Amino acid sequence: MPVPFPEPTTPVPSRAEVLLGYLDYFRSGVRTKLAALSPADLRRSRLPSGWAPIELLRHLTFVELRWLEWGFEGFDVAEPWGDERDHRWYVGLDESLADLLAASDAQAARSREVVERHDLDDQGAPGPRWDGAQPATLERVLLHLVQEYARHLGQLDIVVELAGGPQGE
């Protein structure tokens, strides 16, 4: 079931819940768009950049892992760039949409736990994610994730339309 758009007039208990609401909305949009594609279109690229929709899902899952667990919390992550091979997004032929959706859901739950453990003004732990720069606050990380999801959902919307799927939201 799609998550409704987080209207600005809907009361929300905190700024963190506002940002989490937008992430939930955009994740839901990605899920809805992917469901509109055939199995062949999930793995087919329609863009010059060469990414396929199923690869985008895996990429977004790893984006959350990189920014919140590896970056912000400074956890040791075995393969923070596990969504890439040869500097391109990658999904193995043995990885199904159902498996990747389950991984995305699990990551979303872990991401929410990270946010609920901290204040938005908390600064991230020093580590390799920051490439020597001062770690960002949780609020900045969440804003980055919201824009990443919004941008990629817009791209996916175009891909679905090119594949003959539904147009618009």
C-alpha atoms as a PDB file:
ATOM      1  CA  MET A   1       0.000   0.000   0.000  1.00  0.00           C
ATOM      2  CA  PRO A   2       1.497   3.361  -1.003  1.00  0.00           C
ATOM      3  CA  VAL A   3       2.487   5.802   1.711  1.00  0.00           C
ATOM      4  CA  PRO A   4       0.542   9.078   1.380  1.00  0.00           C
ATOM      5  CA  PHE A   5       2.410  12.275   0.633  1.00  0.00           C
ATOM      6  CA  PRO A   6       3.516  13.972   3.877  1.00  0.00           C
ATOM      7  CA  GLU A   7       1.473  17.135   3.511  1.00  0.00           C
ATOM      8  CA  PRO A   8       3.043  20.202   5.145  1.00  0.00           C
ATOM      9  CA  THR A   9      -0.175  20.875   7.078  1.00  0.00           C
ATOM     10  CA  THR A  10      -0.316  17.421   8.684  1.00  0.00           C
ATOM     11  CA  PRO A  11       0.814  17.635  12.329  1.00  0.00           C
ATOM     12  CA  VAL A  12       4.023  15.695  12.993  1.00  0.00           C
ATOM     13  CA  PRO A  13       5.631  15.356  16.432  1.00  0.00           C
ATOM     14  CA  SER A  14       9.207  16.264  15.420  1.00  0.00           C
ATOM     15  CA  ARG A  15      11.496  17.420  12.632  1.00  0.00           C
ATOM     16  CA  ALA A  16      13.021  13.948  12.567  1.00  0.00           C
ATOM     17  CA  GLU A  17       9.573  12.436  11.923  1.00  0.00           C
ATOM     18  CA  VAL A  18       9.057  14.919   9.078  1.00  0.00           C
ATOM     19  CA  LEU A  19      12.246  13.719   7.402  1.00  0.00           C
ATOM     20  CA  LEU A  20      11.478  10.066   8.090  1.00  0.00           C
ATOM     21  CA  GLY A  21       8.007  10.601   6.630  1.00  0.00           C
ATOM     22  CA  TYR A  22       9.478  11.894   3.395  1.00  0.00           C
ATOM     23  CA  LEU A  23      11.893   8.950   3.226  1.00  0.00           C
ATOM     24  CA  ASP A  24       8.984   6.533   3.756  1.00  0.00           C
ATOM     25  CA  TYR A  25       7.008   8.295   1.022  1.00  0.00           C
ATOM     26  CA  PHE A  26       9.860   8.159  -1.501  1.00  0.00           C
ATOM     27  CA  ARG A  27      10.681   4.519  -0.661  1.00  0.00           C
ATOM     28  CA  SER A  28       7.028   3.686  -1.248  1.00  0.00           C
ATOM     29  CA  GLY A  29       7.136   5.506  -4.580  1.00  0.00           C
ATOM     30  CA  VAL A  30      10.160   3.496  -5.689  1.00  0.00           C
ATOM     31  CA  ARG A  31       8.382   0.271  -4.715  1.00  0.00           C
ATOM     32  CA  THR A  32       5.235   1.298  -6.640  1.00  0.00           C
ATOM     33  CA  LYS A  33       7.218   2.214  -9.761  1.00  0.00           C
ATOM     34  CA  LEU A  34       9.172  -1.054  -9.700  1.00  0.00           C
ATOM     35  CA  ALA A  35       5.936  -3.038  -9.361  1.00  0.00           C
ATOM     36  CA  ALA A  36       4.744  -1.476 -12.634  1.00  0.00           C
ATOM     37  CA  LEU A  37       7.634  -3.018 -14.580  1.00  0.00           C
ATOM     38  CA  SER A  38       7.878  -6.465 -16.121  1.00  0.00           C
ATOM     39  CA  PRO A  39      10.711  -8.736 -14.966  1.00  0.00           C
ATOM     40  CA  ALA A  40      12.555  -7.969 -18.212  1.00  0.00           C
ATOM     41  CA  ASP A  41      12.108  -4.196 -17.801  1.00  0.00           C
ATOM     42  CA  LEU A  42      13.392  -4.365 -14.214  1.00  0.00           C
ATOM     43  CA  ARG A  43      16.768  -5.451 -15.575  1.00  0.00           C
ATOM     44  CA  ARG A  44      16.767  -3.419 -18.769  1.00  0.00           C
ATOM     45  CA  SER A  45      18.315   0.013 -19.055  1.00  0.00           C
ATOM     46  CA  ARG A  46      16.478   2.644 -21.057  1.00  0.00           C
ATOM     47  CA  LEU A  47      18.954   5.430 -20.311  1.00  0.00           C
ATOM     48  CA  PRO A  48      22.373   6.340 -21.704  1.00  0.00           C
ATOM     49  CA  SER A  49      23.850   6.045 -18.200  1.00  0.00           C
ATOM     50  CA  GLY A  50      23.067   2.324 -18.364  1.00  0.00           C
ATOM     51  CA  TRP A  51      21.435   1.619 -14.980  1.00  0.00           C
ATOM     52  CA  ALA A  52      18.485  -0.733 -14.674  1.00  0.00           C
ATOM     53  CA  PRO A  53      15.577  -0.144 -12.263  1.00  0.00           C
ATOM     54  CA  ILE A  54      16.431  -3.150 -10.074  1.00  0.00           C
ATOM     55  CA  GLU A  55      19.964  -1.770  -9.730  1.00  0.00           C
ATOM     56  CA  LEU A  56      18.543   1.541  -8.533  1.00  0.00           C
ATOM     57  CA  LEU A  57      16.725  -0.238  -5.707  1.00  0.00           C
ATOM     58  CA  ARG A  58      19.916  -1.907  -4.518  1.00  0.00           C
ATOM     59  CA  HIS A  59      21.801   1.383  -4.863  1.00  0.00           C
ATOM     60  CA  LEU A  60      19.297   3.228  -2.656  1.00  0.00           C
ATOM     61  CA  THR A  61      19.520   0.515  -0.011  1.00  0.00           C
ATOM     62  CA  PHE A  62      23.297   0.882   0.084  1.00  0.00           C
ATOM     63  CA  VAL A  63      23.039   4.687   0.084  1.00  0.00           C
ATOM     64  CA  GLU A  64      21.162   4.491   3.388  1.00  0.00           C
ATOM     65  CA  LEU A  65      23.692   2.025   4.774  1.00  0.00           C
ATOM     66  CA  ARG A  66      26.631   4.230   3.724  1.00  0.00           C
ATOM     67  CA  TRP A  67      25.239   7.475   5.083  1.00  0.00           C
ATOM     68  CA  LEU A  68      23.625   6.342   8.314  1.00  0.00           C
ATOM     69  CA  GLU A  69      25.402   3.224   9.576  1.00  0.00           C
ATOM     70  CA  TRP A  70      28.870   3.468   8.028  1.00  0.00           C
ATOM     71  CA  GLY A  71      29.016   7.243   7.908  1.00  0.00           C
ATOM     72  CA  PHE A  72      26.962   8.835  10.651  1.00  0.00           C
ATOM     73  CA  GLU A  73      27.308   6.106  13.289  1.00  0.00           C
ATOM     74  CA  GLY A  74      30.792   5.042  12.174  1.00  0.00           C
ATOM     75  CA  PHE A  75      30.002   1.311  12.203  1.00  0.00           C
ATOM     76  CA  ASP A  76      32.370  -1.101  10.528  1.00  0.00           C
ATOM     77  CA  VAL A  77      30.615  -2.150   7.316  1.00  0.00           C
ATOM     78  CA  ALA A  78      32.187  -4.986   5.321  1.00  0.00           C
ATOM     79  CA  GLU A  79      31.211  -3.670   1.893  1.00  0.00           C
ATOM     80  CA  PRO A  80      29.844  -0.120   2.034  1.00  0.00           C
ATOM     81  CA  TRP A  81      30.065   0.055  -1.771  1.00  0.00           C
ATOM     82  CA  GLY A  82      28.549  -3.416  -2.283  1.00  0.00           C
ATOM     83  CA  ASP A  83      26.057  -2.036  -4.805  1.00  0.00           C
ATOM     84  CA  GLU A  84      28.847  -1.386  -7.334  1.00  0.00           C
ATOM     85  CA  ARG A  85      31.085  -3.421  -9.593  1.00  0.00           C
ATOM     86  CA  ASP A  86      33.585  -1.713 -11.856  1.00  0.00           C
ATOM     87  CA  HIS A  87      32.171   1.689 -10.773  1.00  0.00           C
ATOM     88  CA  ARG A  88      28.636   0.787 -11.919  1.00  0.00           C
ATOM     89  CA  TRP A  89      25.548  -0.263  -9.996  1.00  0.00           C
ATOM     90  CA  TYR A  90      25.217  -4.013 -10.007  1.00  0.00           C
ATOM     91  CA  VAL A  91      22.645  -6.693  -9.200  1.00  0.00           C
ATOM     92  CA  GLY A  92      23.409 -10.380  -9.712  1.00  0.00           C
ATOM     93  CA  LEU A  93      21.111 -12.514 -11.820  1.00  0.00           C
ATOM     94  CA  ASP A  94      20.379 -14.618  -8.730  1.00  0.00           C
ATOM     95  CA  GLU A  95      19.041 -11.572  -6.833  1.00  0.00           C
ATOM     96  CA  SER A  96      15.272 -11.210  -7.146  1.00  0.00           C
ATOM     97  CA  LEU A  97      13.111  -8.132  -6.780  1.00  0.00           C
ATOM     98  CA  ALA A  98      11.507  -9.718  -3.711  1.00  0.00           C
ATOM     99  CA  ASP A  99      14.935 -10.241  -2.117  1.00  0.00           C
ATOM    100  CA  LEU A 100      15.986  -6.668  -2.844  1.00  0.00           C
ATOM    101  CA  LEU A 101      12.703  -5.254  -1.531  1.00  0.00           C
ATOM    102  CA  ALA A 102      13.176  -7.246   1.680  1.00  0.00           C
ATOM    103  CA  ALA A 103      16.724  -5.889   1.996  1.00  0.00           C
ATOM    104  CA  SER A 104      15.419  -2.366   1.387  1.00  0.00           C
ATOM    105  CA  ASP A 105      12.748  -2.805   4.073  1.00  0.00           C
ATOM    106  CA  ALA A 106      15.315  -4.133   6.544  1.00  0.00           C
ATOM    107  CA  GLN A 107      17.617  -1.200   5.818  1.00  0.00           C
ATOM    108  CA  ALA A 108      14.737   1.251   6.226  1.00  0.00           C
ATOM    109  CA  ALA A 109      14.030  -0.223   9.668  1.00  0.00           C
ATOM    110  CA  ARG A 110      17.701   0.064  10.657  1.00  0.00           C
ATOM    111  CA  SER A 111      17.797   3.631   9.336  1.00  0.00           C
ATOM    112  CA  ARG A 112      14.795   4.564  11.465  1.00  0.00           C
ATOM    113  CA  GLU A 113      16.505   3.040  14.511  1.00  0.00           C
ATOM    114  CA  VAL A 114      19.596   5.176  13.865  1.00  0.00           C
ATOM    115  CA  VAL A 115      17.481   8.325  13.655  1.00  0.00           C
ATOM    116  CA  GLU A 116      15.531   7.442  16.801  1.00  0.00           C
ATOM    117  CA  ARG A 117      18.781   6.967  18.768  1.00  0.00           C
ATOM    118  CA  HIS A 118      19.993  10.500  18.032  1.00  0.00           C
ATOM    119  CA  ASP A 119      19.047  14.159  17.910  1.00  0.00           C
ATOM    120  CA  LEU A 120      19.100  15.872  14.539  1.00  0.00           C
ATOM    121  CA  ASP A 121      21.902  18.147  15.749  1.00  0.00           C
ATOM    122  CA  ASP A 122      24.161  15.208  16.650  1.00  0.00           C
ATOM    123  CA  GLN A 123      27.326  15.114  14.596  1.00  0.00           C
ATOM    124  CA  GLY A 124      28.430  11.929  12.884  1.00  0.00           C
ATOM    125  CA  ALA A 125      31.318   9.809  14.046  1.00  0.00           C
ATOM    126  CA  PRO A 126      34.683  10.436  12.405  1.00  0.00           C
ATOM    127  CA  GLY A 127      35.493   7.835   9.780  1.00  0.00           C
ATOM    128  CA  PRO A 128      36.221   7.041   6.149  1.00  0.00           C
ATOM    129  CA  ARG A 129      32.768   8.135   4.909  1.00  0.00           C
ATOM    130  CA  TRP A 130      33.700  11.760   5.405  1.00  0.00           C
ATOM    131  CA  ASP A 131      36.954  11.559   3.436  1.00  0.00           C
ATOM    132  CA  GLY A 132      38.757  13.752   5.954  1.00  0.00           C
ATOM    133  CA  ALA A 133      35.984  16.360   6.233  1.00  0.00           C
ATOM    134  CA  GLN A 134      34.157  17.216   9.447  1.00  0.00           C
ATOM    135  CA  PRO A 135      31.306  14.681   9.916  1.00  0.00           C
ATOM    136  CA  ALA A 136      27.838  15.985   9.090  1.00  0.00           C
ATOM    137  CA  THR A 137      24.942  16.292  11.511  1.00  0.00           C
ATOM    138  CA  LEU A 138      22.127  13.768  11.366  1.00  0.00           C
ATOM    139  CA  GLU A 139      19.816  16.443   9.960  1.00  0.00           C
ATOM    140  CA  ARG A 140      22.173  17.103   7.041  1.00  0.00           C
ATOM    141  CA  VAL A 141      22.511  13.377   6.376  1.00  0.00           C
ATOM    142  CA  LEU A 142      18.723  12.951   6.342  1.00  0.00           C
ATOM    143  CA  LEU A 143      18.257  15.930   4.030  1.00  0.00           C
ATOM    144  CA  HIS A 144      20.815  14.379   1.707  1.00  0.00           C
ATOM    145  CA  LEU A 145      18.943  11.068   1.756  1.00  0.00           C
ATOM    146  CA  VAL A 146      15.620  12.791   1.024  1.00  0.00           C
ATOM    147  CA  GLN A 147      17.083  14.563  -2.010  1.00  0.00           C
ATOM    148  CA  GLU A 148      18.753  11.332  -3.183  1.00  0.00           C
ATOM    149  CA  TYR A 149      15.469   9.436  -3.048  1.00  0.00           C
ATOM    150  CA  ALA A 150      13.486  12.273  -4.641  1.00  0.00           C
ATOM    151  CA  ARG A 151      15.969  12.623  -7.506  1.00  0.00           C
ATOM    152  CA  HIS A 152      16.136   8.892  -8.187  1.00  0.00           C
ATOM    153  CA  LEU A 153      12.354   8.469  -7.933  1.00  0.00           C
ATOM    154  CA  GLY A 154      11.983  11.158 -10.615  1.00  0.00           C
ATOM    155  CA  GLN A 155      14.432   9.296 -12.827  1.00  0.00           C
ATOM    156  CA  LEU A 156      12.603   6.032 -12.209  1.00  0.00           C
ATOM    157  CA  ASP A 157       9.303   7.714 -13.085  1.00  0.00           C
ATOM    158  CA  ILE A 158      10.710   8.539 -16.529  1.00  0.00           C
ATOM    159  CA  VAL A 159      12.059   4.999 -16.987  1.00  0.00           C
ATOM    160  CA  VAL A 160       8.668   3.486 -16.126  1.00  0.00           C
ATOM    161  CA  GLU A 161       6.950   5.835 -18.572  1.00  0.00           C
ATOM    162  CA  LEU A 162       9.431   4.881 -21.312  1.00  0.00           C
ATOM    163  CA  ALA A 163       8.685   1.215 -20.584  1.00  0.00           C
ATOM    164  CA  GLY A 164       4.977   1.838 -21.177  1.00  0.00           C
ATOM    165  CA  GLY A 165       4.027   1.876 -17.519  1.00  0.00           C
ATOM    166  CA  PRO A 166       1.739   4.362 -15.784  1.00  0.00           C
ATOM    167  CA  GLN A 167       2.511   8.050 -16.065  1.00  0.00           C
ATOM    168  CA  GLY A 168       2.763  10.496 -13.202  1.00  0.00           C
ATOM    169  CA  GLU A 169       2.670   9.869  -9.477  1.00  0.00           C
END
